[in-house]
Amino acid sequence: MPPPESPDSGATSAPSLVRTYRVWQGSNVFLFGGRLIFGPDVKSIFISVFLVLVPVAVFCAMVARKLLDDFPHYSGWSIMAVAIALTLFVLVTLVVTSSRDPGIVPRNAHPPELDDYYWTDSINGTNPLSRLPRTKDVIVNGIIVKTKYCETCMLYRPIRASHCSVCDNCVERFDHHCPWVGQCIGLRNYRFYYMFILSATLLCLYVHAFCWVYIRRIKDSEKISIWKAMTKTIASIALIIYTFVCVWFVGGLTVFHTYLISTNQSTYENFRYRYNHQVNPYNRGIIKNFAEVFCTRVPPSKNNFRSKVPKEPLDSHRRTDIGSFSPVLKRTRRNMELVGSSINNERDEESDYRDGFNNESRRKDSELTEKSLNLSRTFPTEGEEGQENGQPGPVYEIIAEIPDSTAEVGESNWAAKPSYSNTA
């Protein structure tokens, strides 16, 4: 009879599976089993819905209802019908903007591996690069554009992407995080956001205009001054003031984003790069810029929030500092084997990672630990002195040089080649 399996032997037991949205590392809120994704400030949607529905309800009850019989051939009913249709369109675009994936870039489990030429110097006895380059250059329409490395998502961001500090995600063509819709505005929901603010502006103007029409009807029917007519319909005065204030807000946003679309900019790029004073590499002309936003297919989401993935501890990917450099260590070990070098790990290095391993796993992996790399020698810091033999040696400063040839768009493995200068 075979002995019972120990609880620590996880190799033979199948890992439990959970939906992706249940172990999502961002700050998003999911509804209906991961079918809808919202930002962490999803409650602000209810405020936006309230600010739309209440004024429209007052307009229909106190203004549009009294204009039903003032126009021939029952055309007065069209005033209320248009108001209701505009309101429904505003609410639909609000929900669609808020509840869909704005273009979240999936995170990497580990940092990307460096190209082989990063490690050629290690064979000659020099020190390899200890961290990935912070930026890399790509060419867009003949113009060099820098893309940054995201420490949180462990990837080089796609062109025009940025990391939202509210949702804690990298978003493609990031525009801004809108607190009124409780969601990031990016590649996959920008057109719906623009339709939301545009329809909200039209709704404000519509209600504002017909409130004045109703006041004018009172003035003409009772033969009184405009001021006395205004005192007879307080609801119209309140709606006029309310819509006047709102149209400056949503109307201003509509004008601003119309300008951004015509010049193919995002809000983030407009405030950060100021393309008015330099060439915009994404501008293709007004017609093509509008066609890019409204006449192209919305790309599918890169995330399947309902797919099943193995359930892991929340900090399994952060158990040790060494975890984030695992691809680097594997590449370093391969190069060290080529030159026939064997480096023993010192006991002091073992204590740096003591918090991430328990005593039992350390006994099982003791053989591997004794052959592991000495990180203090593999990744020297600036100003470190001494070599393996204890004799003082030269100090090397890592300098990242940008090569003459930069990568074209779509090359994700490009990085600046490092060189080393002797500073001592």
Protein backbone atom coordinates (compact mmCIF):
# COMPACT_ATOMS: atom_id res chain seq x y z
CA MET A 1 0.00 0.00 0.00
CA PRO A 2 1.62 3.30 -1.02
CA PRO A 3 2.22 5.86 1.74
CA PRO A 4 -0.19 8.79 1.88
CA GLU A 5 0.91 11.95 0.15
CA SER A 6 2.26 14.66 2.38
CA PRO A 7 0.39 17.97 2.35
CA ASP A 8 3.51 19.69 1.05
CA SER A 9 3.72 17.60 -2.11
CA GLY A 10 1.90 19.85 -4.58
CA ALA A 11 3.40 18.25 -7.66
CA THR A 12 0.81 15.49 -7.87
CA SER A 13 -2.24 17.50 -6.78
CA ALA A 14 -3.95 19.54 -9.47
CA PRO A 15 -4.05 23.28 -8.70
CA SER A 16 -7.47 24.78 -8.01
CA LEU A 17 -8.81 27.03 -10.76
CA VAL A 18 -10.52 30.39 -10.27
CA ARG A 19 -11.85 33.05 -12.60
CA THR A 20 -9.31 35.66 -13.68
CA TYR A 21 -11.33 38.56 -12.27
CA ARG A 22 -11.16 37.03 -8.77
CA VAL A 23 -7.35 37.23 -8.68
CA TRP A 24 -7.09 40.47 -10.70
CA GLN A 25 -4.17 42.58 -9.50
CA GLY A 26 -5.63 45.93 -10.51
CA SER A 27 -8.07 48.04 -8.48
CA ASN A 28 -11.06 47.35 -10.70
CA VAL A 29 -14.54 46.30 -9.60
CA PHE A 30 -16.28 43.47 -11.47
CA LEU A 31 -19.98 42.71 -11.80
CA PHE A 32 -22.01 39.82 -13.27
CA GLY A 33 -19.23 37.29 -12.99
CA GLY A 34 -16.54 39.42 -14.62
CA ARG A 35 -18.67 40.43 -17.61
CA LEU A 36 -18.56 44.10 -16.62
CA ILE A 37 -15.43 45.88 -15.39
CA PHE A 38 -15.49 49.24 -13.59
CA GLY A 39 -12.95 51.48 -11.94
CA PRO A 40 -12.53 51.60 -8.15
CA ASP A 41 -14.69 54.76 -8.01
CA VAL A 42 -17.69 53.05 -9.63
CA LYS A 43 -20.11 54.67 -7.14
CA SER A 44 -19.66 58.01 -8.91
CA ILE A 45 -21.78 56.64 -11.78
CA PHE A 46 -24.87 56.88 -9.57
CA ILE A 47 -24.14 60.57 -9.01
CA SER A 48 -23.84 61.11 -12.76
CA VAL A 49 -27.11 59.25 -13.40
CA PHE A 50 -28.83 61.34 -10.73
CA LEU A 51 -27.57 64.59 -12.28
CA VAL A 52 -29.05 63.52 -15.62
CA LEU A 53 -32.34 61.91 -14.64
CA VAL A 54 -33.66 64.42 -12.08
CA PRO A 55 -33.48 67.56 -14.31
CA VAL A 56 -35.00 65.64 -17.25
CA ALA A 57 -37.84 64.39 -15.04
CA VAL A 58 -38.55 67.95 -13.89
CA PHE A 59 -38.44 69.16 -17.50
CA CYS A 60 -40.89 66.52 -18.71
CA ALA A 61 -43.30 67.08 -15.81
CA MET A 62 -43.19 70.89 -15.53
CA VAL A 63 -42.30 72.15 -19.01
CA ALA A 64 -42.70 69.63 -21.84
CA ARG A 65 -46.08 68.41 -20.55
CA LYS A 66 -47.49 71.93 -20.76
CA LEU A 67 -46.26 72.36 -24.31
CA LEU A 68 -48.04 69.27 -25.66
CA ASP A 69 -51.12 71.19 -26.88
CA ASP A 70 -49.38 74.40 -27.88
CA PHE A 71 -48.24 73.08 -31.26
CA PRO A 72 -50.47 71.88 -34.13
CA HIS A 73 -50.84 68.27 -35.32
CA TYR A 74 -49.68 66.88 -31.97
CA SER A 75 -46.14 68.03 -32.69
CA GLY A 76 -45.86 69.04 -29.03
CA TRP A 77 -45.41 65.36 -28.16
CA SER A 78 -42.17 65.35 -30.11
CA ILE A 79 -40.65 67.75 -27.54
CA MET A 80 -41.00 65.17 -24.77
CA ALA A 81 -40.07 62.27 -27.06
CA VAL A 82 -36.78 63.91 -28.12
CA ALA A 83 -35.92 64.73 -24.50
CA ILE A 84 -36.49 61.11 -23.45
CA ALA A 85 -34.52 59.74 -26.43
CA LEU A 86 -31.56 62.03 -25.73
CA THR A 87 -31.62 61.03 -22.05
CA LEU A 88 -31.59 57.33 -22.88
CA PHE A 89 -28.68 57.84 -25.27
CA VAL A 90 -26.72 59.72 -22.60
CA LEU A 91 -27.30 56.96 -20.04
CA VAL A 92 -26.41 54.16 -22.47
CA THR A 93 -23.13 55.78 -23.52
CA LEU A 94 -22.35 56.48 -19.86
CA VAL A 95 -22.80 52.82 -18.90
CA VAL A 96 -20.92 51.53 -21.96
CA THR A 97 -18.00 53.88 -21.27
CA SER A 98 -17.85 52.91 -17.63
CA SER A 99 -18.41 49.15 -17.83
CA ARG A 100 -16.03 48.00 -20.57
CA ASP A 101 -12.32 47.28 -20.67
CA PRO A 102 -10.70 50.60 -21.69
CA GLY A 103 -7.71 48.81 -23.21
CA ILE A 104 -5.87 47.28 -20.26
CA VAL A 105 -2.48 45.80 -21.12
CA PRO A 106 -2.04 42.38 -19.44
CA ARG A 107 0.74 42.25 -16.86
CA ASN A 108 3.79 40.04 -17.19
CA ALA A 109 4.54 37.44 -14.54
CA HIS A 110 8.27 38.17 -14.93
CA PRO A 111 10.34 40.97 -16.46
CA PRO A 112 11.21 40.57 -20.14
CA GLU A 113 14.52 38.84 -20.85
CA LEU A 114 17.39 40.94 -22.13
CA ASP A 115 18.95 40.26 -25.51
CA ASP A 116 22.06 38.10 -25.71
CA TYR A 117 24.44 40.96 -26.38
CA TYR A 118 23.71 42.31 -22.91
CA TRP A 119 25.68 39.41 -21.49
CA THR A 120 28.70 39.24 -23.81
CA ASP A 121 30.74 41.36 -21.43
CA SER A 122 30.13 38.92 -18.58
CA ILE A 123 32.10 36.25 -20.45
CA ASN A 124 35.10 38.59 -20.56
CA GLY A 125 34.98 39.09 -16.82
CA THR A 126 33.06 42.36 -16.66
CA ASN A 127 29.78 42.84 -14.84
CA PRO A 128 26.40 42.40 -16.60
CA LEU A 129 23.61 44.94 -16.47
CA SER A 130 21.60 44.53 -13.25
CA ARG A 131 18.35 46.11 -14.39
CA LEU A 132 16.35 46.71 -17.53
CA PRO A 133 16.72 50.03 -19.37
CA ARG A 134 14.10 52.51 -18.23
CA THR A 135 13.10 53.54 -21.76
CA LYS A 136 13.45 52.30 -25.29
CA ASP A 137 13.08 54.13 -28.58
CA VAL A 138 10.67 53.30 -31.38
CA ILE A 139 10.09 55.09 -34.67
CA VAL A 140 6.62 56.44 -35.51
CA ASN A 141 6.28 58.10 -38.92
CA GLY A 142 9.99 58.85 -38.95
CA ILE A 143 9.98 60.39 -35.45
CA ILE A 144 11.68 58.77 -32.45
CA VAL A 145 9.24 58.14 -29.58
CA LYS A 146 10.32 56.87 -26.16
CA THR A 147 8.36 54.10 -24.45
CA LYS A 148 8.84 53.54 -20.72
CA TYR A 149 9.28 50.37 -18.72
CA CYS A 150 6.49 49.87 -16.19
CA GLU A 151 7.82 48.50 -12.90
CA THR A 152 4.33 47.45 -11.77
CA CYS A 153 3.25 45.59 -14.91
CA MET A 154 6.83 44.45 -15.72
CA LEU A 155 6.63 45.35 -19.40
CA TYR A 156 7.55 48.04 -21.89
CA ARG A 157 4.38 50.01 -22.43
CA PRO A 158 2.89 50.01 -25.93
CA ILE A 159 2.98 53.26 -27.87
CA ARG A 160 0.68 55.93 -26.34
CA ALA A 161 -0.01 53.74 -23.29
CA SER A 162 0.34 54.93 -19.71
CA HIS A 163 -0.20 53.54 -16.22
CA CYS A 164 -3.32 54.77 -14.42
CA SER A 165 -2.57 55.34 -10.74
CA VAL A 166 -6.27 55.01 -9.82
CA CYS A 167 -7.02 51.69 -11.54
CA ASP A 168 -3.39 50.45 -11.25
CA ASN A 169 -3.30 49.26 -14.87
CA CYS A 170 -1.43 50.16 -18.02
CA VAL A 171 -4.01 51.35 -20.58
CA GLU A 172 -3.53 51.59 -24.34
CA ARG A 173 -3.91 55.10 -25.77
CA PHE A 174 -4.51 56.37 -22.25
CA ASP A 175 -6.43 59.65 -22.24
CA HIS A 176 -7.32 60.23 -18.58
CA HIS A 177 -9.22 58.73 -15.66
CA CYS A 178 -12.69 60.26 -15.53
CA PRO A 179 -14.20 60.35 -12.01
CA TRP A 180 -17.69 61.04 -13.42
CA VAL A 181 -17.81 57.71 -15.26
CA GLY A 182 -15.57 55.93 -12.74
CA GLN A 183 -13.31 54.45 -15.39
CA CYS A 184 -10.15 55.05 -17.40
CA ILE A 185 -10.65 56.51 -20.86
CA GLY A 186 -8.51 54.66 -23.37
CA LEU A 187 -8.38 52.94 -26.73
CA ARG A 188 -11.52 50.81 -26.37
CA ASN A 189 -13.97 53.32 -24.83
CA TYR A 190 -12.82 56.75 -26.02
CA ARG A 191 -15.42 57.04 -28.81
CA PHE A 192 -18.21 56.16 -26.36
CA TYR A 193 -16.88 58.74 -23.89
CA TYR A 194 -16.93 61.40 -26.59
CA MET A 195 -20.50 60.46 -27.57
CA PHE A 196 -21.46 60.67 -23.90
CA ILE A 197 -20.23 64.21 -23.37
CA LEU A 198 -21.51 65.32 -26.80
CA SER A 199 -25.03 63.98 -26.17
CA ALA A 200 -25.00 65.43 -22.65
CA THR A 201 -24.17 68.83 -24.14
CA LEU A 202 -27.00 68.54 -26.67
CA LEU A 203 -29.41 67.52 -23.90
CA CYS A 204 -28.46 70.58 -21.83
CA LEU A 205 -28.94 72.89 -24.80
CA TYR A 206 -32.27 71.25 -25.66
CA VAL A 207 -33.71 71.64 -22.15
CA HIS A 208 -32.34 75.16 -21.86
CA ALA A 209 -33.92 76.23 -25.16
CA PHE A 210 -37.39 74.84 -24.51
CA CYS A 211 -37.50 76.36 -21.05
CA TRP A 212 -37.19 79.74 -22.76
CA VAL A 213 -39.86 78.69 -25.26
CA TYR A 214 -42.23 77.91 -22.40
CA ILE A 215 -41.54 81.27 -20.74
CA ARG A 216 -42.18 83.02 -24.04
CA ARG A 217 -45.50 81.15 -24.41
CA ILE A 218 -46.60 82.36 -20.98
CA LYS A 219 -45.60 85.93 -21.85
CA ASP A 220 -47.56 85.91 -25.13
CA SER A 221 -50.65 84.17 -23.79
CA GLU A 222 -51.07 86.40 -20.69
CA LYS A 223 -49.74 89.61 -22.26
CA ILE A 224 -47.23 90.23 -19.46
CA SER A 225 -43.57 91.13 -19.31
CA ILE A 226 -40.84 88.54 -19.57
CA TRP A 227 -39.92 89.00 -15.91
CA LYS A 228 -43.45 88.33 -14.71
CA ALA A 229 -43.61 85.29 -16.98
CA MET A 230 -40.44 83.93 -15.41
CA THR A 231 -41.93 84.23 -11.92
CA LYS A 232 -44.84 82.01 -12.98
CA THR A 233 -42.57 79.04 -13.76
CA ILE A 234 -39.88 78.60 -11.12
CA ALA A 235 -39.03 75.15 -12.49
CA SER A 236 -38.04 76.67 -15.84
CA ILE A 237 -35.78 79.21 -14.14
CA ALA A 238 -34.08 76.47 -12.10
CA LEU A 239 -33.53 74.37 -15.21
CA ILE A 240 -32.18 77.35 -17.15
CA ILE A 241 -29.59 78.04 -14.44
CA TYR A 242 -28.71 74.36 -14.04
CA THR A 243 -28.27 73.68 -17.77
CA PHE A 244 -26.29 76.92 -18.21
CA VAL A 245 -23.76 75.75 -15.61
CA CYS A 246 -23.62 72.20 -16.97
CA VAL A 247 -23.16 73.27 -20.57
CA TRP A 248 -19.98 75.08 -19.62
CA PHE A 249 -18.64 71.86 -18.13
CA VAL A 250 -19.71 69.17 -20.60
CA GLY A 251 -19.72 71.62 -23.51
CA GLY A 252 -16.18 72.69 -22.70
CA LEU A 253 -15.12 69.04 -22.57
CA THR A 254 -16.78 68.42 -25.93
CA VAL A 255 -14.99 71.32 -27.59
CA PHE A 256 -11.67 70.32 -26.05
CA HIS A 257 -11.94 66.68 -27.11
CA THR A 258 -13.08 67.69 -30.59
CA TYR A 259 -9.82 69.61 -30.87
CA LEU A 260 -7.87 66.61 -29.54
CA ILE A 261 -9.47 64.26 -32.06
CA SER A 262 -8.80 66.64 -34.95
CA THR A 263 -5.10 66.75 -34.02
CA ASN A 264 -4.89 63.07 -32.93
CA GLN A 265 -3.84 63.73 -29.37
CA SER A 266 -4.91 62.40 -25.99
CA THR A 267 -5.45 64.53 -22.91
CA TYR A 268 -2.34 62.99 -21.34
CA GLU A 269 -0.21 63.78 -24.40
CA ASN A 270 -1.59 67.32 -24.68
CA PHE A 271 -0.64 68.22 -21.13
CA ARG A 272 2.61 66.30 -21.05
CA TYR A 273 4.22 66.77 -24.46
CA ARG A 274 2.65 70.00 -25.75
CA TYR A 275 2.56 69.06 -29.43
CA ASN A 276 1.78 72.69 -30.25
CA HIS A 277 5.51 73.37 -29.90
CA GLN A 278 6.80 70.18 -31.55
CA VAL A 279 5.85 67.72 -34.26
CA ASN A 280 3.03 65.32 -33.41
CA PRO A 281 4.03 61.91 -34.82
CA TYR A 282 0.41 60.64 -34.76
CA ASN A 283 -1.29 63.47 -36.67
CA ARG A 284 -2.57 62.19 -40.04
CA GLY A 285 -4.85 65.08 -40.99
CA ILE A 286 -8.29 66.05 -39.69
CA ILE A 287 -10.33 63.62 -41.79
CA LYS A 288 -8.12 60.61 -41.10
CA ASN A 289 -7.88 61.54 -37.42
CA PHE A 290 -11.68 61.53 -37.04
CA ALA A 291 -11.92 58.32 -39.08
CA GLU A 292 -9.40 56.68 -36.77
CA VAL A 293 -11.65 57.31 -33.75
CA PHE A 294 -15.13 56.75 -35.20
CA CYS A 295 -14.73 54.65 -38.37
CA THR A 296 -12.42 51.88 -37.19
CA ARG A 297 -13.31 48.64 -35.46
CA VAL A 298 -12.91 48.64 -31.70
CA PRO A 299 -10.07 46.19 -31.00
CA PRO A 300 -10.96 43.15 -28.89
CA SER A 301 -9.97 43.10 -25.25
CA LYS A 302 -6.60 41.56 -24.44
CA ASN A 303 -8.03 40.18 -21.20
CA ASN A 304 -10.49 37.34 -20.65
CA PHE A 305 -11.72 38.09 -17.16
CA ARG A 306 -13.89 34.95 -17.07
CA SER A 307 -11.15 32.51 -18.04
CA LYS A 308 -9.94 30.10 -15.37
CA VAL A 309 -6.40 30.33 -14.06
CA PRO A 310 -4.55 28.44 -11.29
CA LYS A 311 -5.17 29.92 -7.88
CA GLU A 312 -1.96 31.26 -6.37
CA PRO A 313 -1.16 33.16 -3.19
CA LEU A 314 -1.64 36.88 -3.52
CA ASP A 315 2.08 37.60 -3.03
CA SER A 316 3.44 34.52 -4.74
CA HIS A 317 5.07 36.68 -7.39
CA ARG A 318 6.61 38.87 -4.71
CA ARG A 319 7.88 36.24 -2.30
CA THR A 320 11.47 37.27 -2.77
CA ASP A 321 13.38 39.99 -4.48
CA ILE A 322 15.08 37.33 -6.54
CA GLY A 323 11.78 36.47 -8.21
CA SER A 324 11.76 39.57 -10.37
CA PHE A 325 15.22 38.78 -11.71
CA SER A 326 14.68 35.07 -12.42
CA PRO A 327 15.15 35.40 -16.22
CA VAL A 328 18.32 37.40 -15.62
CA LEU A 329 19.75 34.78 -13.27
CA LYS A 330 18.98 31.97 -15.68
CA ARG A 331 20.80 33.77 -18.50
CA THR A 332 23.74 34.59 -16.21
CA ARG A 333 24.07 30.98 -15.08
CA ARG A 334 24.16 29.82 -18.69
CA ASN A 335 27.00 32.22 -19.50
CA MET A 336 28.93 31.24 -16.41
CA GLU A 337 28.73 27.57 -17.41
CA LEU A 338 30.19 28.41 -20.82
CA VAL A 339 33.38 29.81 -19.32
CA GLY A 340 33.54 27.04 -16.73
CA SER A 341 33.07 29.31 -13.72
CA SER A 342 31.55 28.09 -10.48
CA ILE A 343 30.68 30.67 -7.82
CA ASN A 344 29.68 29.67 -4.30
CA ASN A 345 26.99 31.61 -2.53
CA GLU A 346 27.96 33.22 0.76
CA ARG A 347 25.87 32.71 3.88
CA ASP A 348 25.19 36.41 4.21
CA GLU A 349 23.41 36.40 0.84
CA GLU A 350 21.14 33.63 2.11
CA SER A 351 19.80 35.84 4.88
CA ASP A 352 18.59 38.51 2.41
CA TYR A 353 15.87 36.19 1.20
CA ARG A 354 15.08 34.40 4.47
CA ASP A 355 11.61 35.95 4.73
CA GLY A 356 10.41 34.37 1.49
CA PHE A 357 11.17 30.73 2.35
CA ASN A 358 10.25 28.53 5.30
CA ASN A 359 12.62 26.15 7.04
CA GLU A 360 11.25 23.04 5.37
CA SER A 361 11.59 24.31 1.80
CA ARG A 362 15.09 25.57 2.61
CA ARG A 363 16.16 22.04 3.65
CA LYS A 364 14.73 20.59 0.43
CA ASP A 365 16.48 23.16 -1.74
CA SER A 366 19.73 23.36 0.22
CA GLU A 367 21.60 21.60 -2.57
CA LEU A 368 20.44 24.17 -5.12
CA THR A 369 21.10 27.07 -2.78
CA GLU A 370 24.76 26.11 -2.33
CA LYS A 371 25.23 26.34 -6.10
CA SER A 372 23.25 29.54 -6.60
CA LEU A 373 24.79 32.79 -7.74
CA ASN A 374 26.50 35.31 -5.57
CA LEU A 375 24.35 38.34 -6.36
CA SER A 376 26.77 40.75 -4.77
CA ARG A 377 29.36 39.74 -7.37
CA THR A 378 27.04 39.35 -10.29
CA PHE A 379 25.32 42.73 -9.87
CA PRO A 380 27.83 45.20 -8.36
CA THR A 381 26.62 48.61 -7.34
CA GLU A 382 28.36 51.84 -8.23
CA GLY A 383 31.27 52.49 -5.90
CA GLU A 384 31.71 48.84 -4.78
CA GLU A 385 35.30 47.76 -4.33
CA GLY A 386 36.98 44.36 -4.05
CA GLN A 387 36.87 41.15 -6.00
CA GLU A 388 36.65 37.47 -5.10
CA ASN A 389 40.23 37.25 -3.88
CA GLY A 390 39.69 40.13 -1.47
CA GLN A 391 42.12 42.43 -3.29
CA PRO A 392 40.99 45.93 -4.21
CA GLY A 393 40.08 46.24 -7.86
CA PRO A 394 38.78 48.82 -10.29
CA VAL A 395 35.28 50.27 -9.97
CA TYR A 396 33.01 50.09 -13.02
CA GLU A 397 30.21 52.49 -13.82
CA ILE A 398 27.35 51.21 -15.97
CA ILE A 399 26.52 53.55 -18.82
CA ALA A 400 23.55 52.89 -21.14
CA GLU A 401 24.29 54.02 -24.66
CA ILE A 402 21.60 54.42 -27.31
CA PRO A 403 22.68 52.63 -30.51
CA ASP A 404 22.62 54.33 -33.87
CA SER A 405 19.78 52.17 -35.18
CA THR A 406 16.49 52.40 -33.33
CA ALA A 407 13.69 49.85 -33.46
CA GLU A 408 10.70 50.07 -35.69
CA VAL A 409 7.19 50.02 -34.24
CA GLY A 410 6.26 46.57 -32.98
CA GLU A 411 9.76 45.40 -31.97
CA SER A 412 9.33 44.64 -28.29
CA ASN A 413 12.76 43.16 -27.57
CA TRP A 414 14.79 46.27 -28.37
CA ALA A 415 16.81 47.78 -25.57
CA ALA A 416 19.80 50.09 -25.25
CA LYS A 417 23.13 48.27 -25.31
CA PRO A 418 25.19 49.00 -22.20
CA SER A 419 28.85 49.78 -22.04
CA TYR A 420 31.12 50.09 -19.09
CA SER A 421 33.63 52.78 -18.28
CA ASN A 422 36.53 52.41 -15.88
CA THR A 423 36.18 55.13 -13.25
CA ALA A 424 39.14 54.11 -11.11
